[in-house]
């Protein structure tokens, strides 16, 4: 039994809905379901009644609710009590990063920062976009680079760093081989591949096909961008990616993909984020200010 599982249980009770609970905790709905199933398996009894689209607590769930509340409250109280022992001048700050940040100059940013602040060490944790948002909510780090904030915009202090035009990526043998540019409306019969938790593709589809109530077939993978592009290169489907990422992969890893520009004007945005109303340490604030100025210079 973990505190993450208990938090998921309490979020479902509070919202009476798995999707709303997942949005509250910055994790996927499937993760919420896994947490609840794991709890029920460990306890050996159902905590929720699931009827059609409604969920209610079982009598056992009602009793378990008190235990969950007390356990999480005690844990949070302990965390707050220990905060006074954490140095606000800690020389190490931890930052979450998506796997594509290196293509946008992350190494140069860290290098320039270290030259100006040699006593502040940076630990980078590379995870998927959804995992980073979950880690933020659990305070495993307080600053992160993400490319999708989804429905969490009200809970995050987000600073847009830059935009990157989206392009279509296919295998070199795809039927779009001769196309230099293409309209998305012409790709409705194609199979798309996307990273799990990335709502960008869904939002684009809404704008292109929403009025027709039709969407192409989409397969989602819980992995990194390199795996996604490897599948595309094997003609398992097509995808949309920021131009910088697609070109870097084609030039440095696998030349057997084709990049096609879009008639449609879509772009991806990368953000530096932290949880609202949660005070950053002095050194975290120093890094945030430095990063914002650094990226502003790169894009100006």
Protein backbone atom coordinates (compact mmCIF):
# COMPACT_ATOMS: atom_id res chain seq x y z
CA UNK A 1 0.00 0.00 0.00
CA UNK A 2 1.48 3.36 -1.01
CA UNK A 3 0.59 6.97 -0.32
CA UNK A 4 0.12 7.46 -4.07
CA UNK A 5 -2.58 4.78 -3.98
CA UNK A 6 -4.23 6.38 -0.97
CA UNK A 7 -4.18 9.80 -2.66
CA UNK A 8 -5.80 8.28 -5.75
CA UNK A 9 -8.52 6.71 -3.58
CA UNK A 10 -9.25 10.01 -1.86
CA UNK A 11 -9.30 11.89 -5.17
CA UNK A 12 -11.86 9.46 -6.63
CA UNK A 13 -14.02 9.83 -3.52
CA UNK A 14 -13.76 13.63 -3.67
CA UNK A 15 -14.55 13.94 -7.39
CA UNK A 16 -16.79 10.86 -7.72
CA UNK A 17 -15.13 10.39 -11.09
CA UNK A 18 -11.93 8.72 -12.28
CA UNK A 19 -11.16 11.29 -14.98
CA UNK A 20 -11.59 14.28 -12.66
CA UNK A 21 -9.46 12.51 -10.06
CA UNK A 22 -6.69 11.99 -12.62
CA UNK A 23 -6.75 15.68 -13.53
CA UNK A 24 -6.51 16.68 -9.87
CA UNK A 25 -3.42 14.51 -9.36
CA UNK A 26 -1.76 15.18 -12.75
CA UNK A 27 -1.75 11.48 -13.64
CA UNK A 28 -3.49 9.37 -16.26
CA UNK A 29 -6.88 7.77 -15.68
CA UNK A 30 -5.29 4.36 -16.20
CA UNK A 31 -2.86 5.07 -13.32
CA UNK A 32 -5.78 5.97 -11.07
CA UNK A 33 -7.52 2.70 -11.98
CA UNK A 34 -4.33 0.70 -11.32
CA UNK A 35 -3.94 2.31 -7.90
CA UNK A 36 -7.53 1.49 -6.91
CA UNK A 37 -7.28 -2.10 -8.19
CA UNK A 38 -4.01 -2.58 -6.30
CA UNK A 39 -5.63 -1.34 -3.08
CA UNK A 40 -8.64 -3.60 -3.53
CA UNK A 41 -6.39 -6.58 -4.26
CA UNK A 42 -4.26 -5.95 -1.16
CA UNK A 43 -7.26 -5.44 1.11
CA UNK A 44 -9.17 -8.28 -0.50
CA UNK A 45 -12.47 -6.43 -0.86
CA UNK A 46 -14.05 -3.92 -3.23
CA UNK A 47 -13.91 -0.29 -2.18
CA UNK A 48 -16.22 1.04 -4.90
CA UNK A 49 -19.43 -0.10 -6.53
CA UNK A 50 -19.24 0.45 -10.27
CA UNK A 51 -22.63 0.66 -11.94
CA UNK A 52 -22.86 1.99 -15.47
CA UNK A 53 -21.04 5.35 -15.30
CA UNK A 54 -21.48 5.97 -11.58
CA UNK A 55 -19.22 4.93 -8.71
CA UNK A 56 -20.09 4.83 -5.02
CA UNK A 57 -18.26 3.65 -1.93
CA UNK A 58 -19.06 0.22 -0.56
CA UNK A 59 -19.53 -0.10 3.24
CA UNK A 60 -15.93 -1.34 3.40
CA UNK A 61 -14.90 1.66 1.33
CA UNK A 62 -16.60 4.00 3.79
CA UNK A 63 -14.63 2.48 6.65
CA UNK A 64 -11.40 2.52 4.65
CA UNK A 65 -11.99 6.21 3.88
CA UNK A 66 -11.27 7.22 7.48
CA UNK A 67 -8.01 5.27 7.48
CA UNK A 68 -6.95 6.84 4.18
CA UNK A 69 -7.72 10.37 5.37
CA UNK A 70 -5.82 9.93 8.63
CA UNK A 71 -2.83 8.31 6.91
CA UNK A 72 -2.46 10.98 4.22
CA UNK A 73 -3.08 13.82 6.70
CA UNK A 74 -0.39 12.41 9.01
CA UNK A 75 2.03 12.04 6.12
CA UNK A 76 1.41 15.59 4.90
CA UNK A 77 1.81 16.94 8.44
CA UNK A 78 5.12 15.10 8.76
CA UNK A 79 6.30 16.56 5.42
CA UNK A 80 5.40 20.08 6.53
CA UNK A 81 7.19 19.55 9.82
CA UNK A 82 10.37 18.50 8.06
CA UNK A 83 10.34 21.48 5.72
CA UNK A 84 12.10 23.63 8.33
CA UNK A 85 15.09 21.31 8.13
CA UNK A 86 15.45 21.75 4.39
CA UNK A 87 17.94 24.45 3.55
CA UNK A 88 16.56 27.16 1.34
CA UNK A 89 20.14 27.60 0.18
CA UNK A 90 20.54 23.99 -0.96
CA UNK A 91 23.27 23.79 -3.57
CA UNK A 92 21.41 21.10 -5.55
CA UNK A 93 18.13 21.74 -7.36
CA UNK A 94 16.17 19.06 -9.16
CA UNK A 95 14.39 19.80 -12.45
CA UNK A 96 12.08 17.59 -14.50
CA UNK A 97 12.64 17.52 -18.26
CA UNK A 98 10.91 15.90 -21.22
CA UNK A 99 13.13 13.77 -23.43
CA UNK A 100 13.13 16.27 -26.31
CA UNK A 101 14.51 19.25 -24.35
CA UNK A 102 18.09 18.44 -25.34
CA UNK A 103 17.17 19.37 -28.94
CA UNK A 104 16.25 22.87 -27.78
CA UNK A 105 19.56 23.74 -26.14
CA UNK A 106 19.12 22.31 -22.66
CA UNK A 107 22.81 21.38 -22.38
CA UNK A 108 23.87 24.91 -23.40
CA UNK A 109 21.44 26.41 -20.90
CA UNK A 110 22.82 24.29 -18.05
CA UNK A 111 26.38 25.08 -19.14
CA UNK A 112 25.77 28.84 -19.19
CA UNK A 113 23.97 28.68 -15.85
CA UNK A 114 26.87 26.78 -14.25
CA UNK A 115 29.36 29.39 -15.47
CA UNK A 116 27.42 32.14 -13.69
CA UNK A 117 26.40 30.08 -10.64
CA UNK A 118 29.13 27.44 -10.19
CA UNK A 119 28.01 26.53 -6.65
CA UNK A 120 24.47 25.56 -7.68
CA UNK A 121 24.33 21.98 -8.92
CA UNK A 122 21.47 20.78 -11.12
CA UNK A 123 19.99 17.28 -11.14
CA UNK A 124 17.84 16.48 -14.18
CA UNK A 125 15.08 13.87 -14.09
CA UNK A 126 13.96 12.86 -17.59
CA UNK A 127 10.43 11.50 -17.80
CA UNK A 128 7.35 11.59 -20.02
CA UNK A 129 5.21 14.73 -19.94
CA UNK A 130 2.52 13.07 -17.77
CA UNK A 131 5.05 11.62 -15.35
CA UNK A 132 6.64 15.03 -14.88
CA UNK A 133 3.27 16.57 -13.99
CA UNK A 134 2.67 13.75 -11.52
CA UNK A 135 6.11 14.24 -9.95
CA UNK A 136 5.38 17.96 -9.60
CA UNK A 137 2.18 17.21 -7.70
CA UNK A 138 4.12 14.87 -5.37
CA UNK A 139 6.87 17.50 -4.82
CA UNK A 140 9.61 15.23 -6.16
CA UNK A 141 10.79 18.40 -7.85
CA UNK A 142 9.41 21.92 -8.11
CA UNK A 143 10.46 23.06 -11.60
CA UNK A 144 9.98 21.29 -14.92
CA UNK A 145 10.13 21.67 -18.69
CA UNK A 146 7.00 20.29 -20.38
CA UNK A 147 5.34 20.56 -23.80
CA UNK A 148 1.76 19.98 -22.72
CA UNK A 149 -0.08 21.29 -19.66
CA UNK A 150 -3.50 20.03 -20.78
CA UNK A 151 -6.29 20.76 -18.31
CA UNK A 152 -3.86 21.64 -15.53
CA UNK A 153 -3.30 25.27 -16.53
CA UNK A 154 -5.17 26.61 -13.48
CA UNK A 155 -2.92 24.65 -11.12
CA UNK A 156 0.37 25.55 -12.76
CA UNK A 157 2.42 28.68 -13.05
CA UNK A 158 3.50 28.21 -16.67
CA UNK A 159 5.86 30.33 -18.75
CA UNK A 160 5.88 29.70 -22.51
CA UNK A 161 9.48 29.47 -23.72
CA UNK A 162 9.12 28.95 -27.48
CA UNK A 163 6.92 27.58 -30.26
CA UNK A 164 7.85 25.00 -32.88
CA UNK A 165 5.86 24.31 -36.04
CA UNK A 166 4.38 20.83 -36.28
CA UNK A 167 5.21 18.61 -39.24
CA UNK A 168 3.99 15.21 -40.39
CA UNK A 169 6.42 12.31 -40.13
CA UNK A 170 6.02 9.13 -42.22
CA UNK A 171 8.16 6.22 -43.34
CA UNK A 172 10.18 6.67 -46.51
CA UNK A 173 7.87 4.18 -48.27
CA UNK A 174 4.60 5.84 -47.34
CA UNK A 175 2.09 6.74 -50.02
CA UNK A 176 2.65 10.43 -49.20
CA UNK A 177 6.22 10.03 -50.49
CA UNK A 178 5.85 12.65 -53.22
CA UNK A 179 4.15 15.25 -51.02
CA UNK A 180 6.19 18.22 -49.86
CA UNK A 181 3.23 19.72 -48.05
CA UNK A 182 -0.15 18.28 -47.09
CA UNK A 183 -3.41 19.31 -45.45
CA UNK A 184 -4.46 17.24 -42.45
CA UNK A 185 -7.92 16.90 -43.89
CA UNK A 186 -6.36 14.63 -46.53
CA UNK A 187 -5.09 12.17 -43.90
CA UNK A 188 -8.34 11.03 -42.35
CA UNK A 189 -7.82 7.41 -43.43
CA UNK A 190 -4.30 7.20 -41.99
CA UNK A 191 -3.34 5.46 -38.76
CA UNK A 192 -1.64 7.84 -36.34
CA UNK A 193 0.75 7.04 -33.51
CA UNK A 194 1.09 9.37 -30.53
CA UNK A 195 2.67 9.43 -27.09
CA UNK A 196 0.36 8.63 -24.18
CA UNK A 197 -0.82 11.67 -22.29
CA UNK A 198 -0.18 14.05 -25.18
CA UNK A 199 -3.44 15.88 -25.85
CA UNK A 200 -1.92 17.96 -28.67
CA UNK A 201 -2.95 15.52 -31.38
CA UNK A 202 -6.47 15.22 -30.01
CA UNK A 203 -6.91 19.00 -29.90
CA UNK A 204 -5.68 19.31 -33.48
CA UNK A 205 -8.11 16.63 -34.61
CA UNK A 206 -10.93 18.52 -32.90
CA UNK A 207 -10.11 21.62 -34.92
CA UNK A 208 -9.82 19.71 -38.21
CA UNK A 209 -12.54 17.07 -37.97
CA UNK A 210 -14.54 18.05 -34.90
CA UNK A 211 -17.49 19.47 -36.81
CA UNK A 212 -17.69 16.27 -38.86
CA UNK A 213 -17.68 14.12 -35.69
CA UNK A 214 -14.95 11.98 -37.23
CA UNK A 215 -11.46 11.13 -36.05
CA UNK A 216 -8.67 9.05 -37.60
CA UNK A 217 -7.47 5.91 -35.87
CA UNK A 218 -4.86 6.66 -33.19
CA UNK A 219 -2.59 4.26 -31.29
CA UNK A 220 -0.93 5.57 -28.14
CA UNK A 221 2.38 4.32 -26.77
CA UNK A 222 3.74 4.87 -23.27
CA UNK A 223 7.32 5.50 -24.29
CA UNK A 224 9.69 8.17 -25.55
CA UNK A 225 9.88 10.08 -28.82
CA UNK A 226 12.69 7.91 -30.22
CA UNK A 227 10.50 4.80 -29.89
CA UNK A 228 7.61 6.64 -31.52
CA UNK A 229 9.74 7.60 -34.53
CA UNK A 230 11.23 4.12 -34.79
CA UNK A 231 7.69 2.75 -35.19
CA UNK A 232 6.91 5.40 -37.78
CA UNK A 233 10.04 4.49 -39.75
CA UNK A 234 8.77 0.88 -39.86
CA UNK A 235 5.54 2.12 -41.47
CA UNK A 236 3.40 1.34 -38.41
CA UNK A 237 1.66 4.69 -38.75
CA UNK A 238 2.29 8.42 -39.11
CA UNK A 239 2.64 11.11 -36.48
CA UNK A 240 2.86 14.86 -35.91
CA UNK A 241 5.93 16.27 -34.18
CA UNK A 242 7.70 19.60 -33.74
CA UNK A 243 9.93 20.28 -36.74
CA UNK A 244 13.12 20.59 -34.66
CA UNK A 245 12.62 17.15 -33.10
CA UNK A 246 11.77 15.44 -36.39
CA UNK A 247 14.76 16.97 -38.22
CA UNK A 248 17.20 16.07 -35.44
CA UNK A 249 16.03 12.46 -35.48
CA UNK A 250 16.26 12.26 -39.27
CA UNK A 251 19.74 13.82 -39.38
CA UNK A 252 21.31 12.07 -36.41
CA UNK A 253 19.52 8.77 -35.79
CA UNK A 254 17.43 7.44 -38.65
CA UNK A 255 17.38 8.95 -42.12
CA UNK A 256 14.63 6.51 -43.19
CA UNK A 257 11.76 8.81 -42.35
CA UNK A 258 10.07 11.51 -44.40
CA UNK A 259 9.12 14.94 -43.05
CA UNK A 260 6.18 16.68 -44.69
CA UNK A 261 5.19 20.28 -43.99
CA UNK A 262 1.57 21.09 -43.18
CA UNK A 263 -0.70 23.54 -44.94
CA UNK A 264 -2.37 23.90 -41.55
CA UNK A 265 -0.69 26.28 -39.11
CA UNK A 266 -0.20 24.15 -36.00
CA UNK A 267 2.62 24.42 -33.50
CA UNK A 268 3.81 22.96 -30.20
CA UNK A 269 4.73 25.08 -27.18
CA UNK A 270 7.34 24.27 -24.54
CA UNK A 271 6.85 25.62 -21.01
CA UNK A 272 8.78 26.03 -17.80
CA UNK A 273 6.29 25.23 -15.03
CA UNK A 274 5.90 25.00 -11.27
CA UNK A 275 2.94 24.46 -8.95
CA UNK A 276 1.04 27.66 -8.14
CA UNK A 277 1.07 28.86 -4.54
CA UNK A 278 4.11 26.71 -3.74
CA UNK A 279 7.14 28.81 -2.91
CA UNK A 280 10.31 28.01 -4.80
CA UNK A 281 13.63 27.96 -2.99
CA UNK A 282 16.06 30.81 -3.57
CA UNK A 283 18.18 28.75 -5.97
CA UNK A 284 15.13 27.44 -7.84
CA UNK A 285 14.01 31.04 -8.34
CA UNK A 286 17.49 31.96 -9.56
CA UNK A 287 17.40 29.15 -12.13
CA UNK A 288 13.86 29.98 -13.27
CA UNK A 289 14.72 33.64 -13.85
CA UNK A 290 17.95 32.69 -15.63
CA UNK A 291 16.19 30.16 -17.90
CA UNK A 292 13.44 32.60 -18.88
CA UNK A 293 16.00 35.25 -19.85
CA UNK A 294 18.16 32.67 -21.63
CA UNK A 295 15.35 31.39 -23.84
CA UNK A 296 14.12 34.92 -24.49
CA UNK A 297 17.56 35.74 -25.94
CA UNK A 298 17.52 32.61 -28.10
CA UNK A 299 14.13 33.43 -29.64
CA UNK A 300 14.57 37.19 -30.02
